Protein backbone atom coordinates (compact mmCIF):
# COMPACT_ATOMS: atom_id res chain seq x y z
CA UNK A 1 -35.94 0.80 -26.36
CA UNK A 2 -32.01 1.13 -26.88
CA UNK A 3 -30.78 0.58 -30.01
CA UNK A 4 -28.56 -2.89 -29.61
CA UNK A 5 -25.99 -3.23 -31.76
CA UNK A 6 -24.98 -6.19 -33.49
CA UNK A 7 -22.75 -8.57 -32.39
CA UNK A 8 -19.03 -8.03 -32.73
CA UNK A 9 -15.41 -9.96 -31.88
CA UNK A 10 -15.11 -10.74 -28.34
CA UNK A 11 -12.81 -7.25 -27.15
CA UNK A 12 -13.16 -5.23 -24.38
CA UNK A 13 -10.68 -2.29 -25.27
CA UNK A 14 -11.70 0.65 -23.45
CA UNK A 15 -14.34 -0.59 -20.89
CA UNK A 16 -14.59 -0.95 -17.25
CA UNK A 17 -15.13 -4.43 -15.64
CA UNK A 18 -15.72 -4.82 -12.10
CA UNK A 19 -15.24 -8.14 -10.82
CA UNK A 20 -16.09 -9.91 -7.35
CA UNK A 21 -14.49 -12.55 -5.69
CA UNK A 22 -11.40 -11.80 -7.98
CA UNK A 23 -8.93 -13.55 -5.50
CA UNK A 24 -10.46 -16.75 -6.19
CA UNK A 25 -9.64 -19.23 -8.83
CA UNK A 26 -12.09 -18.77 -11.53
CA UNK A 27 -12.71 -14.61 -10.27
CA UNK A 28 -8.74 -14.54 -11.20
CA UNK A 29 -8.48 -16.44 -14.23
CA UNK A 30 -11.70 -13.85 -15.57
CA UNK A 31 -9.79 -10.69 -14.05
CA UNK A 32 -6.89 -11.68 -16.33
CA UNK A 33 -8.80 -12.57 -19.38
CA UNK A 34 -11.31 -8.85 -19.52
CA UNK A 35 -7.80 -7.29 -18.76
CA UNK A 36 -6.13 -9.24 -21.78
CA UNK A 37 -8.98 -8.47 -23.79
CA UNK A 38 -8.41 -4.89 -23.35
CA UNK A 39 -10.80 -4.03 -20.49
CA UNK A 40 -9.55 -1.89 -17.58
CA UNK A 41 -10.62 -3.97 -14.52
CA UNK A 42 -11.45 -3.27 -10.93
CA UNK A 43 -10.77 -6.46 -9.13
CA UNK A 44 -12.35 -7.22 -5.66
CA UNK A 45 -12.57 -9.58 -2.89
CA UNK A 46 -12.34 -9.43 0.87
CA UNK A 47 -8.97 -10.68 0.70
CA UNK A 48 -6.58 -7.84 2.33
CA UNK A 49 -4.33 -8.08 -0.80
CA UNK A 50 -4.39 -9.76 -4.08
CA UNK A 51 -1.65 -9.45 -6.84
CA UNK A 52 -2.45 -9.70 -10.81
CA UNK A 53 1.11 -8.17 -11.98
CA UNK A 54 -1.43 -6.73 -15.20
CA UNK A 55 -0.61 -3.08 -15.47
CA UNK A 56 -4.57 -2.77 -16.37
CA UNK A 57 -6.10 -4.20 -13.12
CA UNK A 58 -6.34 -2.70 -9.84
CA UNK A 59 -7.15 -4.59 -6.73
CA UNK A 60 -9.82 -3.57 -4.29
CA UNK A 61 -10.58 -4.95 -0.88
CA UNK A 62 -14.48 -5.03 -0.71
CA UNK A 63 -17.24 -7.23 1.27
CA UNK A 64 -19.69 -8.26 -1.07
CA UNK A 65 -22.35 -8.55 1.93
CA UNK A 66 -21.76 -4.83 2.62
CA UNK A 67 -24.84 -2.56 1.00
CA UNK A 68 -22.65 0.32 2.27
CA UNK A 69 -19.46 -0.95 1.08
CA UNK A 70 -21.53 -1.64 -2.03
CA UNK A 71 -22.62 1.80 -2.42
CA UNK A 72 -19.36 3.50 -1.64
CA UNK A 73 -17.40 1.30 -4.37
CA UNK A 74 -19.48 1.68 -7.09
CA UNK A 75 -19.93 5.64 -6.38
CA UNK A 76 -16.16 5.59 -6.38
CA UNK A 77 -15.63 3.41 -9.54
CA UNK A 78 -18.06 5.58 -11.81
CA UNK A 79 -16.15 8.78 -10.14
CA UNK A 80 -12.87 7.38 -10.87
CA UNK A 81 -14.05 5.66 -14.82
CA UNK A 82 -17.25 7.48 -15.40
CA UNK A 83 -18.80 3.87 -16.47
CA UNK A 84 -19.50 0.64 -15.23
CA UNK A 85 -19.48 -2.05 -18.59
CA UNK A 86 -19.25 -5.16 -17.09
CA UNK A 87 -20.00 -6.53 -13.81
CA UNK A 88 -18.86 -10.25 -13.07
CA UNK A 89 -20.08 -11.74 -9.85
CA UNK A 90 -17.34 -14.57 -8.67
CA UNK A 91 -17.73 -14.40 -5.03
CA UNK A 92 -19.18 -17.51 -3.28
CA UNK A 93 -18.68 -19.98 -0.44
CA UNK A 94 -19.64 -23.68 -0.46
CA UNK A 95 -21.29 -25.64 1.91
CA UNK A 96 -21.42 -29.94 1.72
CA UNK A 97 -23.68 -30.91 4.90
CA UNK A 98 -27.14 -32.55 4.49
CA UNK A 99 -30.23 -30.96 5.27
CA UNK A 100 -30.92 -32.40 8.41
CA UNK A 101 -27.60 -31.59 9.61
CA UNK A 102 -27.58 -27.91 8.08
CA UNK A 103 -27.56 -25.04 10.93
CA UNK A 104 -29.24 -21.64 10.82
CA UNK A 105 -26.10 -20.10 10.88
CA UNK A 106 -24.63 -22.02 8.24
CA UNK A 107 -27.67 -21.03 5.66
CA UNK A 108 -27.14 -17.46 6.87
CA UNK A 109 -23.51 -17.53 5.71
CA UNK A 110 -24.26 -19.30 2.39
CA UNK A 111 -27.47 -17.11 1.38
CA UNK A 112 -25.26 -14.15 2.59
CA UNK A 113 -22.20 -14.81 0.08
CA UNK A 114 -23.68 -16.64 -2.84
CA UNK A 115 -26.89 -14.71 -2.69
CA UNK A 116 -26.81 -11.12 -0.99
CA UNK A 117 -23.24 -10.92 -2.47
CA UNK A 118 -24.87 -10.51 -6.06
CA UNK A 119 -28.17 -8.76 -5.02
CA UNK A 120 -25.63 -5.96 -4.20
CA UNK A 121 -23.65 -5.32 -6.60
CA UNK A 122 -26.31 -5.89 -9.11
CA UNK A 123 -29.10 -3.14 -7.33
CA UNK A 124 -26.04 -0.50 -7.23
CA UNK A 125 -24.88 -1.11 -10.52
CA UNK A 126 -28.40 -1.58 -12.59
CA UNK A 127 -29.19 2.45 -12.18
CA UNK A 128 -25.46 3.58 -13.78
CA UNK A 129 -25.65 0.46 -16.60
CA UNK A 130 -29.43 1.84 -17.56
CA UNK A 131 -28.52 5.32 -17.63
CA UNK A 132 -25.45 4.55 -19.63
CA UNK A 133 -27.77 2.43 -21.80
CA UNK A 134 -25.78 -0.40 -22.31
CA UNK A 135 -23.64 -2.96 -20.10
CA UNK A 136 -23.27 -6.61 -19.32
CA UNK A 137 -23.73 -8.12 -15.71
CA UNK A 138 -22.56 -12.11 -15.25
CA UNK A 139 -23.26 -14.24 -12.46
CA UNK A 140 -21.69 -17.12 -11.61
CA UNK A 141 -24.74 -20.30 -11.57
CA UNK A 142 -24.11 -23.41 -10.78
CA UNK A 143 -24.80 -26.84 -12.39
CA UNK A 144 -26.03 -27.89 -8.83
CA UNK A 145 -28.99 -25.23 -9.17
CA UNK A 146 -30.21 -26.90 -12.82
CA UNK A 147 -29.79 -31.53 -11.11
CA UNK A 148 -29.91 -30.33 -7.29
CA UNK A 149 -26.59 -30.50 -6.18
CA UNK A 150 -23.18 -32.18 -7.25
CA UNK A 151 -21.55 -32.84 -4.21
CA UNK A 152 -22.97 -29.81 -2.35
CA UNK A 153 -25.44 -29.22 0.36
CA UNK A 154 -29.15 -27.76 -0.17
CA UNK A 155 -27.78 -24.18 1.17
CA UNK A 156 -25.42 -23.98 -2.01
CA UNK A 157 -28.09 -25.37 -4.44
CA UNK A 158 -30.95 -22.39 -2.82
CA UNK A 159 -28.48 -19.68 -3.14
CA UNK A 160 -27.31 -20.99 -6.57
CA UNK A 161 -30.88 -21.50 -7.62
CA UNK A 162 -31.69 -18.09 -6.16
CA UNK A 163 -29.09 -16.33 -8.31
CA UNK A 164 -30.40 -17.90 -11.34
CA UNK A 165 -33.69 -16.19 -11.26
CA UNK A 166 -32.29 -12.86 -10.03
CA UNK A 167 -30.40 -12.68 -13.50
CA UNK A 168 -33.86 -13.66 -15.54
CA UNK A 169 -35.48 -10.91 -13.67
CA UNK A 170 -32.69 -8.30 -14.39
CA UNK A 171 -32.40 -9.47 -18.20
CA UNK A 172 -36.44 -9.03 -18.58
CA UNK A 173 -36.14 -5.73 -16.60
CA UNK A 174 -32.86 -4.56 -18.05
CA UNK A 175 -33.30 -5.27 -21.75
CA UNK A 176 -35.60 -2.29 -23.03
CA UNK A 177 -32.14 -0.43 -21.23
CA UNK A 178 -29.36 -2.02 -22.55
CA UNK A 179 -28.70 -3.98 -19.48
CA UNK A 180 -27.92 -7.29 -20.04
CA UNK A 181 -27.69 -10.24 -17.92
CA UNK A 182 -26.73 -14.00 -18.15
CA UNK A 183 -25.33 -16.85 -15.33
CA UNK A 184 -22.66 -19.05 -16.24
CA UNK A 185 -23.54 -22.45 -15.01
CA UNK A 186 -20.23 -24.90 -14.21
CA UNK A 187 -19.44 -28.19 -13.54
CA UNK A 188 -17.03 -28.81 -11.23
CA UNK A 189 -13.62 -26.87 -11.37
CA UNK A 190 -10.43 -27.59 -9.82
CA UNK A 191 -10.04 -24.71 -7.50
CA UNK A 192 -9.53 -24.28 -3.61
CA UNK A 193 -13.34 -24.02 -2.78
CA UNK A 194 -14.41 -27.06 -5.56
CA UNK A 195 -11.43 -29.60 -4.31
CA UNK A 196 -14.11 -31.08 -1.43
CA UNK A 197 -16.43 -31.83 -5.00
CA UNK A 198 -13.94 -32.75 -7.08
CA UNK A 199 -12.55 -35.59 -4.88
CA UNK A 200 -16.22 -36.71 -4.33
CA UNK A 201 -16.88 -36.83 -8.30
CA UNK A 202 -13.98 -38.00 -10.31
CA UNK A 203 -14.54 -37.62 -14.25
CA UNK A 204 -14.37 -40.20 -16.55
CA UNK A 205 -15.09 -40.05 -20.27
CA UNK A 206 -17.92 -42.29 -20.29
CA UNK A 207 -19.31 -41.64 -16.87
CA UNK A 208 -20.09 -37.92 -15.53
CA UNK A 209 -17.94 -35.67 -17.39
CA UNK A 210 -17.92 -36.98 -21.14
CA UNK A 211 -14.97 -34.55 -21.74
CA UNK A 212 -13.27 -36.55 -19.75
CA UNK A 213 -11.41 -33.81 -17.34
CA UNK A 214 -12.74 -31.49 -14.51
CA UNK A 215 -13.13 -27.92 -15.87
CA UNK A 216 -10.33 -25.51 -15.36
CA UNK A 217 -10.74 -21.63 -13.81
CA UNK A 218 -9.59 -20.61 -17.77
CA UNK A 219 -12.50 -22.39 -19.02
CA UNK A 220 -15.17 -20.83 -17.09
CA UNK A 221 -13.18 -17.28 -17.30
CA UNK A 222 -13.27 -17.57 -21.23
CA UNK A 223 -17.30 -18.26 -21.26
CA UNK A 224 -17.51 -15.13 -19.09
CA UNK A 225 -15.46 -13.29 -21.61
CA UNK A 226 -17.79 -14.17 -24.45
CA UNK A 227 -21.06 -12.81 -22.42
CA UNK A 228 -19.04 -9.82 -21.13
CA UNK A 229 -18.20 -8.41 -25.17
CA UNK A 230 -19.56 -7.69 -27.82
CA UNK A 231 -19.37 -11.06 -29.32
CA UNK A 232 -22.56 -11.89 -27.25
CA UNK A 233 -24.79 -8.68 -28.25
CA UNK A 234 -27.62 -10.97 -28.84
CA UNK A 235 -27.57 -13.07 -25.71
CA UNK A 236 -29.22 -12.21 -22.23
CA UNK A 237 -30.83 -14.05 -19.71
CA UNK A 238 -29.39 -17.16 -21.02
CA UNK A 239 -27.86 -19.78 -18.58
CA UNK A 240 -24.58 -21.29 -20.39
CA UNK A 241 -23.71 -24.28 -19.12
CA UNK A 242 -20.34 -24.93 -18.88
CA UNK A 243 -19.59 -28.70 -17.94
CA UNK A 244 -18.18 -30.87 -20.08
CA UNK A 245 -21.07 -32.56 -20.41
CA UNK A 246 -21.79 -33.16 -17.44
CA UNK A 247 -25.64 -31.61 -18.59
CA UNK A 248 -26.31 -31.69 -21.95
CA UNK A 249 -29.52 -29.40 -21.87
């Protein structure tokens, strides 16, 4: 069993972080939070270009649904940097279509990005972290997976529920090798992807969001930084709710 160090301040100095979905609202905020905390960040997304204006961030175009691209990218990161200390899985897409109106194509697309887009990086990075004897994985789940949806459709809820289960499996399997895995379950966050959701679920201080506002990308990014950093060295397999009090679990 790996000797797990005692928790320490939330710094990432000298650490190598690999972020998927980095061009989006939460992914971008997370990339910058990790870099500001001292990490060297390999930020990836399907977009051809993304600007971060931070010397510790390098951008790579990457399709999370491709196992071949995943394996090649992880091999390149390891060859260049020698290790991967944090894997943050932010790539995602959403659907609001009701079950009876859903199509096979929609289900494949949602599951491909939201589930296989986690499976592919996790299975490529797991052996790297296990060999190192230390590494932290954090996946974006969702409050939708815990309560059956907010304004999202069943394909999204199913995919995120599977992500929660997968990461708990990784946490159990990886604990003896120093591999951590946890989930952030955001409530509605004001990003382009969630715009239609936030339009359907207006917050109120005494209603569905007790803290009286929707989340901002930085709210989620700082929680992810905590789970990636030494501050969370005795936490694994958890689902951390970051939702303004929408779900008090």
